[in-house]
C-alpha atoms as a PDB file:
ATOM      1  CA  MET A   1       0.000   0.000   0.000  1.00  0.00           C
ATOM      2  CA  GLU A   2       1.442   3.338  -1.045  1.00  0.00           C
ATOM      3  CA  GLU A   3       1.863   5.993   1.652  1.00  0.00           C
ATOM      4  CA  LYS A   4      -0.180   9.150   1.097  1.00  0.00           C
ATOM      5  CA  ARG A   5       2.025  12.163   0.290  1.00  0.00           C
ATOM      6  CA  ASP A   6       1.368  15.862   0.156  1.00  0.00           C
ATOM      7  CA  ILE A   7       3.078  18.652  -1.745  1.00  0.00           C
ATOM      8  CA  PHE A   8       5.340  19.501   1.211  1.00  0.00           C
ATOM      9  CA  ASP A   9       6.800  16.013   1.766  1.00  0.00           C
ATOM     10  CA  ASP A  10      10.107  16.937   0.136  1.00  0.00           C
ATOM     11  CA  LEU A  11      10.549  19.838   2.581  1.00  0.00           C
ATOM     12  CA  ARG A  12      10.165  17.769   5.739  1.00  0.00           C
ATOM     13  CA  VAL A  13      13.221  17.569   7.970  1.00  0.00           C
ATOM     14  CA  GLY A  14      15.419  14.668   7.038  1.00  0.00           C
ATOM     15  CA  GLN A  15      14.034  14.348   3.524  1.00  0.00           C
ATOM     16  CA  PRO A  16      16.232  16.519   1.292  1.00  0.00           C
ATOM     17  CA  LYS A  17      19.688  15.282   0.397  1.00  0.00           C
ATOM     18  CA  ILE A  18      20.668  18.241  -1.777  1.00  0.00           C
ATOM     19  CA  GLY A  19      22.329  21.041   0.155  1.00  0.00           C
ATOM     20  CA  GLN A  20      22.759  19.260   3.463  1.00  0.00           C
ATOM     21  CA  ARG A  21      26.399  20.339   3.480  1.00  0.00           C
ATOM     22  CA  THR A  22      25.582  24.021   3.168  1.00  0.00           C
ATOM     23  CA  PRO A  23      26.665  26.372   5.987  1.00  0.00           C
ATOM     24  CA  HIS A  24      23.065  26.537   7.209  1.00  0.00           C
ATOM     25  CA  ALA A  25      22.381  22.795   7.169  1.00  0.00           C
ATOM     26  CA  GLU A  26      22.728  22.593  10.955  1.00  0.00           C
ATOM     27  CA  LYS A  27      21.020  25.939  11.604  1.00  0.00           C
ATOM     28  CA  VAL A  28      17.691  25.716  13.444  1.00  0.00           C
ATOM     29  CA  VAL A  29      15.396  28.731  13.256  1.00  0.00           C
ATOM     30  CA  GLU A  30      12.749  28.758  15.978  1.00  0.00           C
ATOM     31  CA  VAL A  31       9.531  30.373  14.749  1.00  0.00           C
ATOM     32  CA  ARG A  32       6.630  31.602  16.873  1.00  0.00           C
ATOM     33  CA  HIS A  33       3.053  31.456  15.632  1.00  0.00           C
ATOM     34  CA  GLU A  34       2.876  35.282  15.482  1.00  0.00           C
ATOM     35  CA  ASP A  35       5.905  35.260  13.106  1.00  0.00           C
ATOM     36  CA  LEU A  36       4.104  33.188  10.462  1.00  0.00           C
ATOM     37  CA  PRO A  37       4.384  32.935   7.542  1.00  0.00           C
ATOM     38  CA  ALA A  38       7.996  31.833   7.974  1.00  0.00           C
ATOM     39  CA  TYR A  39      10.402  32.449   5.137  1.00  0.00           C
ATOM     40  CA  CYS A  40      14.050  32.051   4.231  1.00  0.00           C
ATOM     41  CA  PRO A  41      16.397  33.844   4.033  1.00  0.00           C
ATOM     42  CA  THR A  42      15.549  35.338   7.403  1.00  0.00           C
ATOM     43  CA  PRO A  43      15.910  39.040   8.220  1.00  0.00           C
ATOM     44  CA  GLY A  44      19.531  39.808   8.984  1.00  0.00           C
ATOM     45  CA  SER A  45      20.900  37.114   6.663  1.00  0.00           C
ATOM     46  CA  SER A  46      23.840  38.004   4.451  1.00  0.00           C
ATOM     47  CA  VAL A  47      22.753  39.472   1.144  1.00  0.00           C
ATOM     48  CA  TRP A  48      25.882  38.515  -0.788  1.00  0.00           C
ATOM     49  CA  ASN A  49      25.273  34.773  -0.532  1.00  0.00           C
ATOM     50  CA  GLY A  50      21.488  34.794  -0.312  1.00  0.00           C
ATOM     51  CA  HIS A  51      18.942  32.882  -2.327  1.00  0.00           C
ATOM     52  CA  PRO A  52      15.420  33.706  -3.521  1.00  0.00           C
ATOM     53  CA  ARG A  53      12.835  34.044  -0.750  1.00  0.00           C
ATOM     54  CA  VAL A  54      10.901  30.866  -0.101  1.00  0.00           C
ATOM     55  CA  TYR A  55       8.070  30.373   2.366  1.00  0.00           C
ATOM     56  CA  ILE A  56       8.405  27.546   4.863  1.00  0.00           C
ATOM     57  CA  PRO A  57       5.296  25.389   5.462  1.00  0.00           C
ATOM     58  CA  LEU A  58       4.643  25.341   9.223  1.00  0.00           C
ATOM     59  CA  LYS A  59       1.166  24.979  10.722  1.00  0.00           C
ATOM     60  CA  ASN A  60       1.226  23.224  14.084  1.00  0.00           C
ATOM     61  CA  LYS A  61       3.473  23.531  17.113  1.00  0.00           C
ATOM     62  CA  GLY A  62       6.401  21.156  16.686  1.00  0.00           C
ATOM     63  CA  ASP A  63       6.307  21.183  12.869  1.00  0.00           C
ATOM     64  CA  GLU A  64       9.725  21.286  11.205  1.00  0.00           C
ATOM     65  CA  ALA A  65      10.720  21.917   7.595  1.00  0.00           C
ATOM     66  CA  ARG A  66      13.914  22.684   5.669  1.00  0.00           C
ATOM     67  CA  CYS A  67      14.661  25.498   3.272  1.00  0.00           C
ATOM     68  CA  ILE A  68      14.995  23.990  -0.200  1.00  0.00           C
ATOM     69  CA  TYR A  69      18.006  26.198  -0.970  1.00  0.00           C
ATOM     70  CA  CYS A  70      20.210  26.330   2.140  1.00  0.00           C
ATOM     71  CA  SER A  71      18.766  23.437   4.198  1.00  0.00           C
ATOM     72  CA  ALA A  72      18.231  25.558   7.311  1.00  0.00           C
ATOM     73  CA  ILE A  73      15.701  23.889   9.616  1.00  0.00           C
ATOM     74  CA  PHE A  74      12.654  25.888  10.721  1.00  0.00           C
ATOM     75  CA  ARG A  75      10.743  24.747  13.806  1.00  0.00           C
ATOM     76  CA  LEU A  76       7.391  26.117  15.027  1.00  0.00           C
ATOM     77  CA  VAL A  77       7.809  26.447  18.791  1.00  0.00           C
ATOM     78  CA  SER A  78       4.640  28.263  19.849  1.00  0.00           C
END
């Protein structure tokens, strides 16, 4: 039986293999509910090595997802 997938499955933590050796691969960004929608690069990130803005799919407390460009992990904490 095939497992049901949604459009965000490739962004779930642990899924992407591309970019896991980027400088941000171990970076964890804690996001509060009032900061949604979450996006990367975050404010204060270097402009010279940035990437296009992407929105990070977080809905429920405890959700985690990776940026598709730099592999930074975003976690919804409250």
